[in-house]
C-alpha atoms as a PDB file:
ATOM      1  CA  MET A   1      93.832  97.553  69.310  1.00  0.00           C
ATOM      2  CA  PRO A   2      91.355  98.276  72.115  1.00  0.00           C
ATOM      3  CA  GLU A   3      88.661  95.743  72.737  1.00  0.00           C
ATOM      4  CA  THR A   4      85.109  97.024  72.574  1.00  0.00           C
ATOM      5  CA  LYS A   5      81.877  95.852  74.056  1.00  0.00           C
ATOM      6  CA  ALA A   6      78.868  95.770  71.762  1.00  0.00           C
ATOM      7  CA  SER A   7      77.409  98.968  73.192  1.00  0.00           C
ATOM      8  CA  GLY A   8      79.991 100.517  75.497  1.00  0.00           C
ATOM      9  CA  PRO A   9      83.276 102.362  75.397  1.00  0.00           C
ATOM     10  CA  PRO A  10      86.391 100.427  74.423  1.00  0.00           C
ATOM     11  CA  ARG A  11      88.142  98.446  77.101  1.00  0.00           C
ATOM     12  CA  ALA A  12      91.837  98.829  77.734  1.00  0.00           C
ATOM     13  CA  PRO A  13      93.973  96.237  75.954  1.00  0.00           C
ATOM     14  CA  LYS A  14      94.931  93.343  78.217  1.00  0.00           C
ATOM     15  CA  HIS A  15      98.635  93.550  77.372  1.00  0.00           C
ATOM     16  CA  LEU A  16      98.957  96.916  79.135  1.00  0.00           C
ATOM     17  CA  ARG A  17     100.243  97.208  82.692  1.00  0.00           C
ATOM     18  CA  PRO A  18      97.523  97.525  85.353  1.00  0.00           C
ATOM     19  CA  GLY A  19      98.249 101.203  86.035  1.00  0.00           C
ATOM     20  CA  THR A  20      98.239 102.007  82.339  1.00  0.00           C
ATOM     21  CA  ARG A  21      94.966 100.142  81.827  1.00  0.00           C
ATOM     22  CA  LYS A  22      93.471 102.239  84.620  1.00  0.00           C
ATOM     23  CA  TRP A  23      94.706 105.436  82.956  1.00  0.00           C
ATOM     24  CA  PHE A  24      93.261 104.249  79.612  1.00  0.00           C
ATOM     25  CA  ARG A  25      89.841 103.750  81.262  1.00  0.00           C
ATOM     26  CA  THR A  26      90.044 107.175  82.931  1.00  0.00           C
ATOM     27  CA  VAL A  27      90.803 108.927  79.644  1.00  0.00           C
ATOM     28  CA  VAL A  28      88.007 107.074  77.829  1.00  0.00           C
ATOM     29  CA  GLU A  29      85.528 107.980  80.572  1.00  0.00           C
ATOM     30  CA  GLU A  30      86.528 111.642  80.906  1.00  0.00           C
ATOM     31  CA  TRP A  31      87.119 112.667  77.288  1.00  0.00           C
ATOM     32  CA  ASP A  32      84.943 112.604  74.194  1.00  0.00           C
ATOM     33  CA  LEU A  33      87.047 110.433  71.883  1.00  0.00           C
ATOM     34  CA  ASP A  34      86.320 109.292  68.343  1.00  0.00           C
ATOM     35  CA  ALA A  35      87.173 105.763  67.215  1.00  0.00           C
ATOM     36  CA  HIS A  36      90.529 106.741  65.705  1.00  0.00           C
ATOM     37  CA  HIS A  37      91.484 108.437  68.980  1.00  0.00           C
ATOM     38  CA  HIS A  38      91.144 105.113  70.787  1.00  0.00           C
ATOM     39  CA  HIS A  39      93.888 103.727  68.548  1.00  0.00           C
ATOM     40  CA  LEU A  40      96.123 106.703  69.316  1.00  0.00           C
ATOM     41  CA  LEU A  41      95.389 106.280  73.025  1.00  0.00           C
ATOM     42  CA  THR A  42      96.399 102.608  72.804  1.00  0.00           C
ATOM     43  CA  LEU A  43      99.691 103.589  71.150  1.00  0.00           C
ATOM     44  CA  ALA A  44     100.287 106.205  73.858  1.00  0.00           C
ATOM     45  CA  CYS A  45      99.668 103.580  76.545  1.00  0.00           C
ATOM     46  CA  GLU A  46     102.077 101.179  74.881  1.00  0.00           C
ATOM     47  CA  ALA A  47     104.724 103.929  74.739  1.00  0.00           C
ATOM     48  CA  LEU A  48     104.123 104.642  78.425  1.00  0.00           C
ATOM     49  CA  ASP A  49     104.562 100.964  79.291  1.00  0.00           C
ATOM     50  CA  GLN A  50     107.721 100.731  77.202  1.00  0.00           C
ATOM     51  CA  THR A  51     109.127 103.778  78.970  1.00  0.00           C
ATOM     52  CA  GLU A  52     108.395 102.211  82.350  1.00  0.00           C
ATOM     53  CA  ALA A  53     109.992  98.884  81.356  1.00  0.00           C
ATOM     54  CA  CYS A  54     113.152 100.686  80.241  1.00  0.00           C
ATOM     55  CA  ARG A  55     113.207 102.770  83.414  1.00  0.00           C
ATOM     56  CA  GLU A  56     113.039  99.597  85.513  1.00  0.00           C
ATOM     57  CA  THR A  57     115.901  98.017  83.557  1.00  0.00           C
ATOM     58  CA  ILE A  58     118.048 101.140  83.886  1.00  0.00           C
ATOM     59  CA  GLU A  59     117.263 101.345  87.591  1.00  0.00           C
ATOM     60  CA  ARG A  60     118.252  97.703  88.054  1.00  0.00           C
ATOM     61  CA  ASP A  61     121.268  97.479  85.710  1.00  0.00           C
ATOM     62  CA  GLY A  62     122.488 101.066  85.462  1.00  0.00           C
ATOM     63  CA  GLN A  63     122.635 103.485  82.584  1.00  0.00           C
ATOM     64  CA  THR A  64     125.856 102.071  81.143  1.00  0.00           C
ATOM     65  CA  PHE A  65     127.593  98.748  80.675  1.00  0.00           C
ATOM     66  CA  THR A  66     131.179  97.804  79.907  1.00  0.00           C
ATOM     67  CA  ASP A  67     131.771  96.487  76.400  1.00  0.00           C
ATOM     68  CA  ARG A  68     134.241  93.728  75.480  1.00  0.00           C
ATOM     69  CA  PHE A  69     137.023  96.307  75.195  1.00  0.00           C
ATOM     70  CA  GLY A  70     136.426  97.577  78.724  1.00  0.00           C
ATOM     71  CA  GLN A  71     134.801 100.809  77.534  1.00  0.00           C
ATOM     72  CA  PRO A  72     131.598 102.146  79.092  1.00  0.00           C
ATOM     73  CA  LYS A  73     128.637 102.186  76.708  1.00  0.00           C
ATOM     74  CA  GLU A  74     125.135 103.498  77.112  1.00  0.00           C
ATOM     75  CA  ARG A  75     122.534 100.791  77.540  1.00  0.00           C
ATOM     76  CA  PRO A  76     120.125 100.398  74.582  1.00  0.00           C
ATOM     77  CA  GLU A  77     117.243 100.950  77.000  1.00  0.00           C
ATOM     78  CA  VAL A  78     118.296 104.589  77.430  1.00  0.00           C
ATOM     79  CA  SER A  79     117.633 105.296  73.751  1.00  0.00           C
ATOM     80  CA  ILE A  80     114.465 103.198  73.727  1.00  0.00           C
ATOM     81  CA  MET A  81     113.171 105.089  76.769  1.00  0.00           C
ATOM     82  CA  HIS A  82     113.956 108.427  75.138  1.00  0.00           C
ATOM     83  CA  ASN A  83     112.100 107.438  71.952  1.00  0.00           C
ATOM     84  CA  SER A  84     109.137 106.098  73.936  1.00  0.00           C
ATOM     85  CA  ARG A  85     108.852 109.335  75.900  1.00  0.00           C
ATOM     86  CA  LEU A  86     108.867 111.363  72.697  1.00  0.00           C
ATOM     87  CA  ALA A  87     106.252 109.079  71.147  1.00  0.00           C
ATOM     88  CA  PHE A  88     104.063 109.371  74.248  1.00  0.00           C
ATOM     89  CA  ALA A  89     104.311 113.172  74.306  1.00  0.00           C
ATOM     90  CA  ARG A  90     103.499 113.434  70.602  1.00  0.00           C
ATOM     91  CA  LEU A  91     100.548 111.064  70.865  1.00  0.00           C
ATOM     92  CA  ILE A  92      99.137 112.977  73.825  1.00  0.00           C
ATOM     93  CA  ARG A  93      99.523 116.202  71.867  1.00  0.00           C
ATOM     94  CA  GLU A  94      97.810 114.572  68.889  1.00  0.00           C
ATOM     95  CA  LEU A  95      94.963 113.449  71.138  1.00  0.00           C
ATOM     96  CA  ASP A  96      94.663 117.033  72.391  1.00  0.00           C
ATOM     97  CA  LEU A  97      94.335 115.905  76.018  1.00  0.00           C
ATOM     98  CA  ASP A  98      95.785 119.073  77.517  1.00  0.00           C
ATOM     99  CA  PHE A  99      93.547 120.643  80.113  1.00  0.00           C
ATOM    100  CA  ASP A 100      93.748 124.413  80.285  1.00  0.00           C
ATOM    101  CA  GLY A 101      92.325 124.572  83.824  1.00  0.00           C
ATOM    102  CA  GLY A 102      89.743 127.203  82.903  1.00  0.00           C
ATOM    103  CA  GLY A 103      86.183 127.156  84.126  1.00  0.00           C
ATOM    104  CA  ASP A 104      84.593 125.866  87.272  1.00  0.00           C
ATOM    105  CA  THR A 105      84.147 122.241  86.218  1.00  0.00           C
ATOM    106  CA  ALA A 106      86.080 119.479  87.888  1.00  0.00           C
ATOM    107  CA  ARG A 107      85.905 117.409  84.732  1.00  0.00           C
ATOM    108  CA  PRO A 108      88.018 118.088  81.641  1.00  0.00           C
ATOM    109  CA  PRO A 109      86.167 119.431  78.620  1.00  0.00           C
ATOM    110  CA  ALA A 110      85.661 117.520  75.393  1.00  0.00           C
ATOM    111  CA  LEU A 111      88.571 117.679  73.004  1.00  0.00           C
ATOM    112  CA  ARG A 112      88.819 121.203  71.590  1.00  0.00           C
ATOM    113  CA  SER A 113      89.293 119.921  68.090  1.00  0.00           C
ATOM    114  CA  ASN A 114      86.427 117.432  68.413  1.00  0.00           C
ATOM    115  CA  ARG A 115      83.644 119.284  70.198  1.00  0.00           C
ATOM    116  CA  ARG A 116      80.189 118.417  69.016  1.00  0.00           C
END
């Protein structure tokens, strides 16, 4: 769960990777998020970190391994990475963070479904 200051926006959870924490801060600063969106954003960040951890393992150890019968098997990280990517994409869609690129502003608009 994101940590919050008494009067400011929530801070990125400390267990996230540095790059993911930076992205968390960017999203919080640039989008108008409600409290429940911060929880969804944290879950999206965790999915992103899990995807990256799996990618690193696959890069280091390969996509397959040889089982005790000498048969190639897909590493568990491949499935975990796939599920994490799907979770991330669904959470981002749920947060409604898509930017349509319209208008002359350099800053993304407030969430369409949560405009005040």
